[in-house]
Amino acid sequence: MKYFYLGVLVSCLFLSTASSDGSVYCQGKINKVYITSNGNVVIYGDYLNNYTQICSLNSTWNNVDTMTCASWLALAKTAVTERSDVIVYYANESSCTSIPTYENSPAPYYFMLYTTTP
């Protein structure tokens, strides 16, 4: 019986980060945010323990326009300041820990500030 409960727990953890269609919901803290000289917005998420580019403030990058990027940057800065979680949704990725880093990163489909406080 104890193995059954362990299996259910592992299944629930898996389902919370990945779906069957090859997409992942990466949840965690952002520890760092920086902007490169050419306007790329890069974050360091603890779900990957590495840097990923999420957008560019200067031009559309991987179908993410500059207005969306400015909004995501504001959310990322808030997440760092308030130590809130974010949820970053990536389509066509197998896991949060295998997302390519820096400018090789895929663009997120969405970037969510997530807090459990009312």
PDB file of N, CA and C in Angstrom:
ATOM      1  N   MET A   1       0.826  -1.192   0.000  1.00  0.00           N
ATOM      2  CA  MET A   1       0.000   0.000   0.000  1.00  0.00           C
ATOM      3  C   MET A   1       0.872   1.259   0.000  1.00  0.00           C
ATOM      4  N   LYS A   2       1.997   1.226   0.722  1.00  0.00           N
ATOM      5  CA  LYS A   2       2.836   2.412   0.767  1.00  0.00           C
ATOM      6  C   LYS A   2       3.411   2.725  -0.614  1.00  0.00           C
ATOM      7  N   TYR A   3       3.682   1.718  -1.429  1.00  0.00           N
ATOM      8  CA  TYR A   3       4.186   1.950  -2.782  1.00  0.00           C
ATOM      9  C   TYR A   3       3.113   2.568  -3.674  1.00  0.00           C
ATOM     10  N   PHE A   4       1.854   2.211  -3.426  1.00  0.00           N
ATOM     11  CA  PHE A   4       0.760   2.806  -4.183  1.00  0.00           C
ATOM     12  C   PHE A   4       0.708   4.314  -3.949  1.00  0.00           C
ATOM     13  N   TYR A   5       0.792   4.723  -2.680  1.00  0.00           N
ATOM     14  CA  TYR A   5       0.743   6.149  -2.364  1.00  0.00           C
ATOM     15  C   TYR A   5       1.949   6.891  -2.921  1.00  0.00           C
ATOM     16  N   LEU A   6       3.120   6.265  -2.869  1.00  0.00           N
ATOM     17  CA  LEU A   6       4.312   6.865  -3.438  1.00  0.00           C
ATOM     18  C   LEU A   6       4.133   7.048  -4.945  1.00  0.00           C
ATOM     19  N   GLY A   7       3.566   6.044  -5.609  1.00  0.00           N
ATOM     20  CA  GLY A   7       3.322   6.136  -7.046  1.00  0.00           C
ATOM     21  C   GLY A   7       2.342   7.242  -7.382  1.00  0.00           C
ATOM     22  N   VAL A   8       1.304   7.393  -6.580  1.00  0.00           N
ATOM     23  CA  VAL A   8       0.329   8.466  -6.798  1.00  0.00           C
ATOM     24  C   VAL A   8       1.004   9.817  -6.613  1.00  0.00           C
ATOM     25  N   LEU A   9       1.840   9.947  -5.578  1.00  0.00           N
ATOM     26  CA  LEU A   9       2.548  11.196  -5.333  1.00  0.00           C
ATOM     27  C   LEU A   9       3.473  11.531  -6.495  1.00  0.00           C
ATOM     28  N   VAL A  10       4.237  10.579  -6.969  1.00  0.00           N
ATOM     29  CA  VAL A  10       5.134  10.811  -8.094  1.00  0.00           C
ATOM     30  C   VAL A  10       4.338  11.188  -9.336  1.00  0.00           C
ATOM     31  N   SER A  11       3.224  10.524  -9.579  1.00  0.00           N
ATOM     32  CA  SER A  11       2.387  10.862 -10.731  1.00  0.00           C
ATOM     33  C   SER A  11       1.860  12.282 -10.637  1.00  0.00           C
ATOM     34  N   CYS A  12       1.427  12.693  -9.462  1.00  0.00           N
ATOM     35  CA  CYS A  12       0.915  14.051  -9.279  1.00  0.00           C
ATOM     36  C   CYS A  12       2.019  15.081  -9.497  1.00  0.00           C
ATOM     37  N   LEU A  13       3.224  14.810  -9.008  1.00  0.00           N
ATOM     38  CA  LEU A  13       4.326  15.732  -9.225  1.00  0.00           C
ATOM     39  C   LEU A  13       4.656  15.849 -10.701  1.00  0.00           C
ATOM     40  N   PHE A  14       4.648  14.742 -11.417  1.00  0.00           N
ATOM     41  CA  PHE A  14       4.933  14.765 -12.850  1.00  0.00           C
ATOM     42  C   PHE A  14       3.875  15.561 -13.587  1.00  0.00           C
ATOM     43  N   LEU A  15       2.630  15.346 -13.264  1.00  0.00           N
ATOM     44  CA  LEU A  15       1.549  16.034 -13.958  1.00  0.00           C
ATOM     45  C   LEU A  15       1.556  17.526 -13.684  1.00  0.00           C
ATOM     46  N   SER A  16       2.133  17.946 -12.574  1.00  0.00           N
ATOM     47  CA  SER A  16       2.145  19.368 -12.278  1.00  0.00           C
ATOM     48  C   SER A  16       3.178  20.131 -13.094  1.00  0.00           C
ATOM     49  N   THR A  17       4.140  19.435 -13.705  1.00  0.00           N
ATOM     50  CA  THR A  17       5.163  20.136 -14.467  1.00  0.00           C
ATOM     51  C   THR A  17       5.165  19.814 -15.948  1.00  0.00           C
ATOM     52  N   ALA A  18       4.524  18.739 -16.340  1.00  0.00           N
ATOM     53  CA  ALA A  18       4.553  18.366 -17.753  1.00  0.00           C
ATOM     54  C   ALA A  18       3.191  17.846 -18.174  1.00  0.00           C
ATOM     55  N   SER A  19       2.886  18.036 -19.445  1.00  0.00           N
ATOM     56  CA  SER A  19       1.652  17.488 -19.968  1.00  0.00           C
ATOM     57  C   SER A  19       1.979  16.511 -21.070  1.00  0.00           C
ATOM     58  N   SER A  20       1.016  15.780 -21.506  1.00  0.00           N
ATOM     59  CA  SER A  20       1.256  14.721 -22.474  1.00  0.00           C
ATOM     60  C   SER A  20       1.554  15.245 -23.867  1.00  0.00           C
ATOM     61  N   ASP A  21       1.353  16.521 -24.135  1.00  0.00           N
ATOM     62  CA  ASP A  21       1.570  17.037 -25.479  1.00  0.00           C
ATOM     63  C   ASP A  21       2.955  17.642 -25.678  1.00  0.00           C
ATOM     64  N   GLY A  22       3.899  17.387 -24.770  1.00  0.00           N
ATOM     65  CA  GLY A  22       5.246  17.905 -24.935  1.00  0.00           C
ATOM     66  C   GLY A  22       5.392  19.344 -24.502  1.00  0.00           C
ATOM     67  N   SER A  23       4.610  19.764 -23.544  1.00  0.00           N
ATOM     68  CA  SER A  23       4.725  21.112 -23.013  1.00  0.00           C
ATOM     69  C   SER A  23       4.940  21.038 -21.510  1.00  0.00           C
ATOM     70  N   VAL A  24       5.562  22.074 -20.951  1.00  0.00           N
ATOM     71  CA  VAL A  24       5.857  22.081 -19.522  1.00  0.00           C
ATOM     72  C   VAL A  24       5.465  23.412 -18.889  1.00  0.00           C
ATOM     73  N   TYR A  25       5.077  23.328 -17.635  1.00  0.00           N
ATOM     74  CA  TYR A  25       4.782  24.488 -16.808  1.00  0.00           C
ATOM     75  C   TYR A  25       5.885  24.539 -15.756  1.00  0.00           C
ATOM     76  N   CYS A  26       6.791  25.475 -15.889  1.00  0.00           N
ATOM     77  CA  CYS A  26       7.917  25.571 -14.966  1.00  0.00           C
ATOM     78  C   CYS A  26       7.579  26.587 -13.881  1.00  0.00           C
ATOM     79  N   GLN A  27       7.536  26.114 -12.639  1.00  0.00           N
ATOM     80  CA  GLN A  27       7.185  26.984 -11.524  1.00  0.00           C
ATOM     81  C   GLN A  27       8.354  27.089 -10.570  1.00  0.00           C
ATOM     82  N   GLY A  28       8.615  28.300 -10.114  1.00  0.00           N
ATOM     83  CA  GLY A  28       9.666  28.513  -9.133  1.00  0.00           C
ATOM     84  C   GLY A  28       9.992  29.983  -8.981  1.00  0.00           C
ATOM     85  N   LYS A  29      11.077  30.234  -8.291  1.00  0.00           N
ATOM     86  CA  LYS A  29      11.538  31.602  -8.043  1.00  0.00           C
ATOM     87  C   LYS A  29      12.493  32.031  -9.153  1.00  0.00           C
ATOM     88  N   ILE A  30      12.465  33.322  -9.440  1.00  0.00           N
ATOM     89  CA  ILE A  30      13.473  33.928 -10.301  1.00  0.00           C
ATOM     90  C   ILE A  30      14.458  34.612  -9.372  1.00  0.00           C
ATOM     91  N   ASN A  31      15.723  34.241  -9.493  1.00  0.00           N
ATOM     92  CA  ASN A  31      16.742  34.798  -8.615  1.00  0.00           C
ATOM     93  C   ASN A  31      17.446  36.010  -9.214  1.00  0.00           C
ATOM     94  N   LYS A  32      17.443  36.105 -10.553  1.00  0.00           N
ATOM     95  CA  LYS A  32      18.145  37.204 -11.217  1.00  0.00           C
ATOM     96  C   LYS A  32      17.416  37.559 -12.514  1.00  0.00           C
ATOM     97  N   VAL A  33      17.474  38.828 -12.870  1.00  0.00           N
ATOM     98  CA  VAL A  33      16.960  39.314 -14.151  1.00  0.00           C
ATOM     99  C   VAL A  33      17.999  40.287 -14.688  1.00  0.00           C
ATOM    100  N   TYR A  34      18.343  40.133 -15.975  1.00  0.00           N
ATOM    101  CA  TYR A  34      19.204  41.144 -16.574  1.00  0.00           C
ATOM    102  C   TYR A  34      18.794  41.406 -18.013  1.00  0.00           C
ATOM    103  N   ILE A  35      19.242  42.539 -18.521  1.00  0.00           N
ATOM    104  CA  ILE A  35      18.952  42.946 -19.893  1.00  0.00           C
ATOM    105  C   ILE A  35      20.286  43.174 -20.587  1.00  0.00           C
ATOM    106  N   THR A  36      20.457  42.535 -21.737  1.00  0.00           N
ATOM    107  CA  THR A  36      21.698  42.697 -22.490  1.00  0.00           C
ATOM    108  C   THR A  36      21.715  44.037 -23.214  1.00  0.00           C
ATOM    109  N   SER A  37      22.863  44.391 -23.758  1.00  0.00           N
ATOM    110  CA  SER A  37      22.998  45.670 -24.462  1.00  0.00           C
ATOM    111  C   SER A  37      22.116  45.753 -25.705  1.00  0.00           C
ATOM    112  N   ASN A  38      21.701  44.603 -26.244  1.00  0.00           N
ATOM    113  CA  ASN A  38      20.793  44.627 -27.405  1.00  0.00           C
ATOM    114  C   ASN A  38      19.340  44.390 -27.008  1.00  0.00           C
ATOM    115  N   GLY A  39      19.028  44.474 -25.702  1.00  0.00           N
ATOM    116  CA  GLY A  39      17.643  44.447 -25.246  1.00  0.00           C
ATOM    117  C   GLY A  39      17.074  43.089 -24.885  1.00  0.00           C
ATOM    118  N   ASN A  40      17.888  42.042 -24.888  1.00  0.00           N
ATOM    119  CA  ASN A  40      17.379  40.719 -24.513  1.00  0.00           C
ATOM    120  C   ASN A  40      17.119  40.648 -23.010  1.00  0.00           C
ATOM    121  N   VAL A  41      15.961  40.131 -22.626  1.00  0.00           N
ATOM    122  CA  VAL A  41      15.605  39.961 -21.220  1.00  0.00           C
ATOM    123  C   VAL A  41      15.919  38.516 -20.851  1.00  0.00           C
ATOM    124  N   VAL A  42      16.773  38.362 -19.839  1.00  0.00           N
ATOM    125  CA  VAL A  42      17.249  37.052 -19.431  1.00  0.00           C
ATOM    126  C   VAL A  42      16.967  36.872 -17.946  1.00  0.00           C
ATOM    127  N   ILE A  43      16.453  35.699 -17.585  1.00  0.00           N
ATOM    128  CA  ILE A  43      16.138  35.404 -16.183  1.00  0.00           C
ATOM    129  C   ILE A  43      16.909  34.178 -15.729  1.00  0.00           C
ATOM    130  N   TYR A  44      17.088  34.064 -14.409  1.00  0.00           N
ATOM    131  CA  TYR A  44      17.675  32.879 -13.800  1.00  0.00           C
ATOM    132  C   TYR A  44      16.596  32.260 -12.919  1.00  0.00           C
ATOM    133  N   GLY A  45      15.999  31.169 -13.390  1.00  0.00           N
ATOM    134  CA  GLY A  45      14.935  30.506 -12.641  1.00  0.00           C
ATOM    135  C   GLY A  45      15.463  29.312 -11.875  1.00  0.00           C
ATOM    136  N   ASP A  46      14.998  29.133 -10.634  1.00  0.00           N
ATOM    137  CA  ASP A  46      15.487  28.000  -9.850  1.00  0.00           C
ATOM    138  C   ASP A  46      14.941  26.658 -10.335  1.00  0.00           C
ATOM    139  N   TYR A  47      13.940  26.657 -11.219  1.00  0.00           N
ATOM    140  CA  TYR A  47      13.428  25.422 -11.798  1.00  0.00           C
ATOM    141  C   TYR A  47      14.406  24.848 -12.830  1.00  0.00           C
ATOM    142  N   LEU A  48      15.340  25.669 -13.314  1.00  0.00           N
ATOM    143  CA  LEU A  48      16.353  25.232 -14.281  1.00  0.00           C
ATOM    144  C   LEU A  48      17.758  25.394 -13.722  1.00  0.00           C
ATOM    145  N   ASN A  49      17.918  26.317 -12.760  1.00  0.00           N
ATOM    146  CA  ASN A  49      19.233  26.672 -12.219  1.00  0.00           C
ATOM    147  C   ASN A  49      20.191  27.110 -13.315  1.00  0.00           C
ATOM    148  N   ASN A  50      19.655  27.943 -14.211  1.00  0.00           N
ATOM    149  CA  ASN A  50      20.452  28.499 -15.288  1.00  0.00           C
ATOM    150  C   ASN A  50      19.690  29.685 -15.877  1.00  0.00           C
ATOM    151  N   TYR A  51      20.319  30.338 -16.834  1.00  0.00           N
ATOM    152  CA  TYR A  51      19.744  31.522 -17.464  1.00  0.00           C
ATOM    153  C   TYR A  51      18.975  31.161 -18.729  1.00  0.00           C
ATOM    154  N   THR A  52      17.817  31.799 -18.913  1.00  0.00           N
ATOM    155  CA  THR A  52      17.048  31.653 -20.142  1.00  0.00           C
ATOM    156  C   THR A  52      16.593  33.024 -20.610  1.00  0.00           C
ATOM    157  N   GLN A  53      16.678  33.219 -21.902  1.00  0.00           N
ATOM    158  CA  GLN A  53      16.123  34.436 -22.488  1.00  0.00           C
ATOM    159  C   GLN A  53      14.625  34.238 -22.626  1.00  0.00           C
ATOM    160  N   ILE A  54      13.852  35.260 -22.255  1.00  0.00           N
ATOM    161  CA  ILE A  54      12.406  35.143 -22.410  1.00  0.00           C
ATOM    162  C   ILE A  54      11.863  36.056 -23.509  1.00  0.00           C
ATOM    163  N   CYS A  55      12.630  37.088 -23.892  1.00  0.00           N
ATOM    164  CA  CYS A  55      12.135  38.007 -24.921  1.00  0.00           C
ATOM    165  C   CYS A  55      13.191  39.059 -25.209  1.00  0.00           C
ATOM    166  N   SER A  56      12.838  40.013 -26.082  1.00  0.00           N
ATOM    167  CA  SER A  56      13.704  41.142 -26.398  1.00  0.00           C
ATOM    168  C   SER A  56      12.883  42.432 -26.366  1.00  0.00           C
ATOM    169  N   LEU A  57      13.441  43.440 -25.735  1.00  0.00           N
ATOM    170  CA  LEU A  57      12.769  44.736 -25.662  1.00  0.00           C
ATOM    171  C   LEU A  57      12.900  45.541 -26.947  1.00  0.00           C
ATOM    172  N   ASN A  58      13.822  45.162 -27.817  1.00  0.00           N
ATOM    173  CA  ASN A  58      14.105  45.957 -29.018  1.00  0.00           C
ATOM    174  C   ASN A  58      13.422  45.472 -30.279  1.00  0.00           C
ATOM    175  N   SER A  59      13.073  44.195 -30.347  1.00  0.00           N
ATOM    176  CA  SER A  59      12.428  43.668 -31.554  1.00  0.00           C
ATOM    177  C   SER A  59      11.683  42.382 -31.214  1.00  0.00           C
ATOM    178  N   THR A  60      10.775  42.007 -32.075  1.00  0.00           N
ATOM    179  CA  THR A  60      10.061  40.749 -31.879  1.00  0.00           C
ATOM    180  C   THR A  60      11.071  39.614 -31.896  1.00  0.00           C
ATOM    181  N   TRP A  61      11.004  38.767 -30.896  1.00  0.00           N
ATOM    182  CA  TRP A  61      11.924  37.629 -30.753  1.00  0.00           C
ATOM    183  C   TRP A  61      11.084  36.372 -30.586  1.00  0.00           C
ATOM    184  N   ASN A  62      11.268  35.420 -31.477  1.00  0.00           N
ATOM    185  CA  ASN A  62      10.514  34.153 -31.413  1.00  0.00           C
ATOM    186  C   ASN A  62       9.014  34.382 -31.217  1.00  0.00           C
ATOM    187  N   ASN A  63       8.479  35.319 -31.959  1.00  0.00           N
ATOM    188  CA  ASN A  63       7.051  35.667 -31.946  1.00  0.00           C
ATOM    189  C   ASN A  63       6.574  36.385 -30.681  1.00  0.00           C
ATOM    190  N   VAL A  64       7.483  36.832 -29.834  1.00  0.00           N
ATOM    191  CA  VAL A  64       7.109  37.627 -28.655  1.00  0.00           C
ATOM    192  C   VAL A  64       7.419  39.079 -28.977  1.00  0.00           C
ATOM    193  N   ASP A  65       6.385  39.927 -29.021  1.00  0.00           N
ATOM    194  CA  ASP A  65       6.610  41.330 -29.386  1.00  0.00           C
ATOM    195  C   ASP A  65       7.145  42.142 -28.212  1.00  0.00           C
ATOM    196  N   THR A  66       7.558  43.361 -28.501  1.00  0.00           N
ATOM    197  CA  THR A  66       8.207  44.189 -27.492  1.00  0.00           C
ATOM    198  C   THR A  66       7.265  44.649 -26.381  1.00  0.00           C
ATOM    199  N   MET A  67       5.992  44.829 -26.679  1.00  0.00           N
ATOM    200  CA  MET A  67       5.026  45.211 -25.641  1.00  0.00           C
ATOM    201  C   MET A  67       4.845  44.073 -24.639  1.00  0.00           C
ATOM    202  N   THR A  68       4.717  42.872 -25.156  1.00  0.00           N
ATOM    203  CA  THR A  68       4.612  41.699 -24.279  1.00  0.00           C
ATOM    204  C   THR A  68       5.887  41.567 -23.452  1.00  0.00           C
ATOM    205  N   CYS A  69       7.026  41.770 -24.089  1.00  0.00           N
ATOM    206  CA  CYS A  69       8.300  41.666 -23.391  1.00  0.00           C
ATOM    207  C   CYS A  69       8.396  42.656 -22.232  1.00  0.00           C
ATOM    208  N   ALA A  70       7.986  43.884 -22.462  1.00  0.00           N
ATOM    209  CA  ALA A  70       8.021  44.894 -21.398  1.00  0.00           C
ATOM    210  C   ALA A  70       7.135  44.473 -20.226  1.00  0.00           C
ATOM    211  N   SER A  71       5.997  43.873 -20.534  1.00  0.00           N
ATOM    212  CA  SER A  71       5.101  43.391 -19.474  1.00  0.00           C
ATOM    213  C   SER A  71       5.730  42.230 -18.723  1.00  0.00           C
ATOM    214  N   TRP A  72       6.341  41.307 -19.453  1.00  0.00           N
ATOM    215  CA  TRP A  72       7.004  40.168 -18.801  1.00  0.00           C
ATOM    216  C   TRP A  72       8.165  40.633 -17.929  1.00  0.00           C
ATOM    217  N   LEU A  73       8.908  41.636 -18.399  1.00  0.00           N
ATOM    218  CA  LEU A  73      10.000  42.179 -17.602  1.00  0.00           C
ATOM    219  C   LEU A  73       9.469  42.750 -16.289  1.00  0.00           C
ATOM    220  N   ALA A  74       8.358  43.465 -16.351  1.00  0.00           N
ATOM    221  CA  ALA A  74       7.756  44.027 -15.127  1.00  0.00           C
ATOM    222  C   ALA A  74       7.364  42.902 -14.167  1.00  0.00           C
ATOM    223  N   LEU A  75       6.780  41.834 -14.695  1.00  0.00           N
ATOM    224  CA  LEU A  75       6.419  40.691 -13.844  1.00  0.00           C
ATOM    225  C   LEU A  75       7.661  40.034 -13.252  1.00  0.00           C
ATOM    226  N   ALA A  76       8.708  39.883 -14.052  1.00  0.00           N
ATOM    227  CA  ALA A  76       9.942  39.261 -13.571  1.00  0.00           C
ATOM    228  C   ALA A  76      10.581  40.098 -12.463  1.00  0.00           C
ATOM    229  N   LYS A  77      10.615  41.415 -12.638  1.00  0.00           N
ATOM    230  CA  LYS A  77      11.177  42.281 -11.600  1.00  0.00           C
ATOM    231  C   LYS A  77      10.356  42.195 -10.315  1.00  0.00           C
ATOM    232  N   THR A  78       9.040  42.146 -10.450  1.00  0.00           N
ATOM    233  CA  THR A  78       8.175  42.001  -9.276  1.00  0.00           C
ATOM    234  C   THR A  78       8.437  40.674  -8.582  1.00  0.00           C
ATOM    235  N   ALA A  79       8.589  39.619  -9.357  1.00  0.00           N
ATOM    236  CA  ALA A  79       8.842  38.289  -8.777  1.00  0.00           C
ATOM    237  C   ALA A  79      10.146  38.271  -7.985  1.00  0.00           C
ATOM    238  N   VAL A  80      11.178  38.926  -8.502  1.00  0.00           N
ATOM    239  CA  VAL A  80      12.455  38.980  -7.786  1.00  0.00           C
ATOM    240  C   VAL A  80      12.305  39.800  -6.513  1.00  0.00           C
ATOM    241  N   THR A  81      11.708  40.957  -6.626  1.00  0.00           N
ATOM    242  CA  THR A  81      11.561  41.856  -5.485  1.00  0.00           C
ATOM    243  C   THR A  81      10.714  41.247  -4.374  1.00  0.00           C
ATOM    244  N   GLU A  82       9.600  40.643  -4.752  1.00  0.00           N
ATOM    245  CA  GLU A  82       8.669  40.099  -3.758  1.00  0.00           C
ATOM    246  C   GLU A  82       8.925  38.641  -3.417  1.00  0.00           C
ATOM    247  N   ARG A  83       9.917  38.031  -4.084  1.00  0.00           N
ATOM    248  CA  ARG A  83      10.232  36.608  -3.895  1.00  0.00           C
ATOM    249  C   ARG A  83       9.011  35.735  -4.169  1.00  0.00           C
ATOM    250  N   SER A  84       8.221  36.126  -5.154  1.00  0.00           N
ATOM    251  CA  SER A  84       7.055  35.358  -5.584  1.00  0.00           C
ATOM    252  C   SER A  84       7.475  34.327  -6.613  1.00  0.00           C
ATOM    253  N   ASP A  85       6.687  33.284  -6.736  1.00  0.00           N
ATOM    254  CA  ASP A  85       6.907  32.302  -7.788  1.00  0.00           C
ATOM    255  C   ASP A  85       6.425  32.844  -9.122  1.00  0.00           C
ATOM    256  N   VAL A  86       6.949  32.261 -10.174  1.00  0.00           N
ATOM    257  CA  VAL A  86       6.428  32.468 -11.512  1.00  0.00           C
ATOM    258  C   VAL A  86       6.080  31.098 -12.078  1.00  0.00           C
ATOM    259  N   ILE A  87       5.220  31.098 -13.059  1.00  0.00           N
ATOM    260  CA  ILE A  87       4.972  29.904 -13.856  1.00  0.00           C
ATOM    261  C   ILE A  87       5.252  30.313 -15.296  1.00  0.00           C
ATOM    262  N   VAL A  88       6.184  29.596 -15.918  1.00  0.00           N
ATOM    263  CA  VAL A  88       6.560  29.872 -17.297  1.00  0.00           C
ATOM    264  C   VAL A  88       6.155  28.643 -18.107  1.00  0.00           C
ATOM    265  N   TYR A  89       5.285  28.858 -19.081  1.00  0.00           N
ATOM    266  CA  TYR A  89       4.780  27.752 -19.901  1.00  0.00           C
ATOM    267  C   TYR A  89       5.558  27.689 -21.209  1.00  0.00           C
ATOM    268  N   TYR A  90       6.110  26.515 -21.479  1.00  0.00           N
ATOM    269  CA  TYR A  90       6.832  26.266 -22.727  1.00  0.00           C
ATOM    270  C   TYR A  90       6.141  25.149 -23.490  1.00  0.00           C
ATOM    271  N   ALA A  91       5.805  25.407 -24.739  1.00  0.00           N
ATOM    272  CA  ALA A  91       5.292  24.357 -25.620  1.00  0.00           C
ATOM    273  C   ALA A  91       6.494  23.643 -26.236  1.00  0.00           C
ATOM    274  N   ASN A  92       6.319  22.390 -26.548  1.00  0.00           N
ATOM    275  CA  ASN A  92       7.345  21.606 -27.243  1.00  0.00           C
ATOM    276  C   ASN A  92       8.638  21.420 -26.456  1.00  0.00           C
ATOM    277  N   GLU A  93       8.537  21.349 -25.155  1.00  0.00           N
ATOM    278  CA  GLU A  93       9.688  21.040 -24.301  1.00  0.00           C
ATOM    279  C   GLU A  93       9.352  19.818 -23.475  1.00  0.00           C
ATOM    280  N   SER A  94      10.352  19.020 -23.178  1.00  0.00           N
ATOM    281  CA  SER A  94      10.093  17.771 -22.459  1.00  0.00           C
ATOM    282  C   SER A  94      10.164  17.925 -20.946  1.00  0.00           C
ATOM    283  N   SER A  95      10.968  18.873 -20.458  1.00  0.00           N
ATOM    284  CA  SER A  95      11.052  19.104 -19.019  1.00  0.00           C
ATOM    285  C   SER A  95      11.622  20.486 -18.754  1.00  0.00           C
ATOM    286  N   CYS A  96      11.389  20.978 -17.562  1.00  0.00           N
ATOM    287  CA  CYS A  96      11.893  22.298 -17.195  1.00  0.00           C
ATOM    288  C   CYS A  96      13.418  22.304 -17.095  1.00  0.00           C
ATOM    289  N   THR A  97      13.999  21.183 -16.738  1.00  0.00           N
ATOM    290  CA  THR A  97      15.444  21.125 -16.554  1.00  0.00           C
ATOM    291  C   THR A  97      16.212  20.930 -17.855  1.00  0.00           C
ATOM    292  N   SER A  98      15.513  20.706 -18.958  1.00  0.00           N
ATOM    293  CA  SER A  98      16.213  20.503 -20.231  1.00  0.00           C
ATOM    294  C   SER A  98      16.009  21.647 -21.226  1.00  0.00           C
ATOM    295  N   ILE A  99      15.451  22.745 -20.772  1.00  0.00           N
ATOM    296  CA  ILE A  99      15.238  23.899 -21.656  1.00  0.00           C
ATOM    297  C   ILE A  99      16.597  24.484 -22.033  1.00  0.00           C
ATOM    298  N   PRO A 100      16.820  24.743 -23.316  1.00  0.00           N
ATOM    299  CA  PRO A 100      18.083  25.378 -23.727  1.00  0.00           C
ATOM    300  C   PRO A 100      18.258  26.732 -23.036  1.00  0.00           C
ATOM    301  N   THR A 101      19.493  27.150 -22.880  1.00  0.00           N
ATOM    302  CA  THR A 101      19.797  28.341 -22.087  1.00  0.00           C
ATOM    303  C   THR A 101      20.197  29.539 -22.946  1.00  0.00           C
ATOM    304  N   TYR A 102      20.239  30.688 -22.266  1.00  0.00           N
ATOM    305  CA  TYR A 102      20.613  31.970 -22.868  1.00  0.00           C
ATOM    306  C   TYR A 102      19.833  32.213 -24.162  1.00  0.00           C
ATOM    307  N   GLU A 103      20.498  32.674 -25.218  1.00  0.00           N
ATOM    308  CA  GLU A 103      19.796  33.017 -26.465  1.00  0.00           C
ATOM    309  C   GLU A 103      19.290  31.802 -27.225  1.00  0.00           C
ATOM    310  N   ASN A 104      19.677  30.609 -26.801  1.00  0.00           N
ATOM    311  CA  ASN A 104      19.160  29.377 -27.423  1.00  0.00           C
ATOM    312  C   ASN A 104      17.814  28.952 -26.848  1.00  0.00           C
ATOM    313  N   SER A 105      17.325  29.681 -25.866  1.00  0.00           N
ATOM    314  CA  SER A 105      16.064  29.340 -25.215  1.00  0.00           C
ATOM    315  C   SER A 105      14.889  29.487 -26.174  1.00  0.00           C
ATOM    316  N   PRO A 106      13.893  28.643 -26.021  1.00  0.00           N
ATOM    317  CA  PRO A 106      12.650  28.880 -26.756  1.00  0.00           C
ATOM    318  C   PRO A 106      11.886  30.005 -26.062  1.00  0.00           C
ATOM    319  N   ALA A 107      11.013  30.638 -26.780  1.00  0.00           N
ATOM    320  CA  ALA A 107      10.178  31.664 -26.157  1.00  0.00           C
ATOM    321  C   ALA A 107       9.084  31.000 -25.343  1.00  0.00           C
ATOM    322  N   PRO A 108       8.807  31.510 -24.160  1.00  0.00           N
ATOM    323  CA  PRO A 108       7.653  31.001 -23.421  1.00  0.00           C
ATOM    324  C   PRO A 108       6.359  31.350 -24.150  1.00  0.00           C
ATOM    325  N   TYR A 109       5.338  30.545 -23.917  1.00  0.00           N
ATOM    326  CA  TYR A 109       4.011  30.889 -24.429  1.00  0.00           C
ATOM    327  C   TYR A 109       3.363  31.911 -23.505  1.00  0.00           C
ATOM    328  N   TYR A 110       3.592  31.706 -22.195  1.00  0.00           N
ATOM    329  CA  TYR A 110       3.183  32.752 -21.252  1.00  0.00           C
ATOM    330  C   TYR A 110       4.108  32.778 -20.057  1.00  0.00           C
ATOM    331  N   PHE A 111       4.050  33.896 -19.353  1.00  0.00           N
ATOM    332  CA  PHE A 111       4.881  34.155 -18.181  1.00  0.00           C
ATOM    333  C   PHE A 111       3.945  34.690 -17.106  1.00  0.00           C
ATOM    334  N   MET A 112       3.793  33.954 -16.020  1.00  0.00           N
ATOM    335  CA  MET A 112       2.790  34.296 -14.992  1.00  0.00           C
ATOM    336  C   MET A 112       3.453  34.554 -13.651  1.00  0.00           C
ATOM    337  N   LEU A 113       3.067  35.653 -13.016  1.00  0.00           N
ATOM    338  CA  LEU A 113       3.434  35.895 -11.626  1.00  0.00           C
ATOM    339  C   LEU A 113       2.466  35.104 -10.766  1.00  0.00           C
ATOM    340  N   TYR A 114       2.995  34.302  -9.858  1.00  0.00           N
ATOM    341  CA  TYR A 114       2.158  33.385  -9.098  1.00  0.00           C
ATOM    342  C   TYR A 114       2.409  33.582  -7.612  1.00  0.00           C
ATOM    343  N   THR A 115       1.364  33.881  -6.885  1.00  0.00           N
ATOM    344  CA  THR A 115       1.470  33.998  -5.443  1.00  0.00           C
ATOM    345  C   THR A 115       0.282  33.318  -4.785  1.00  0.00           C
ATOM    346  N   THR A 116       0.516  32.743  -3.647  1.00  0.00           N
ATOM    347  CA  THR A 116      -0.569  32.070  -2.947  1.00  0.00           C
ATOM    348  C   THR A 116      -1.183  32.957  -1.869  1.00  0.00           C
ATOM    349  N   THR A 117      -0.599  34.132  -1.660  1.00  0.00           N
ATOM    350  CA  THR A 117      -1.177  35.037  -0.663  1.00  0.00           C
ATOM    351  C   THR A 117      -2.380  35.762  -1.234  1.00  0.00           C
ATOM    352  N   PRO A 118      -3.432  35.867  -0.446  1.00  0.00           N
ATOM    353  CA  PRO A 118      -4.654  36.526  -0.938  1.00  0.00           C
ATOM    354  C   PRO A 118      -4.489  38.016  -1.134  1.00  0.00           C
TER     355      PRO A 118
END
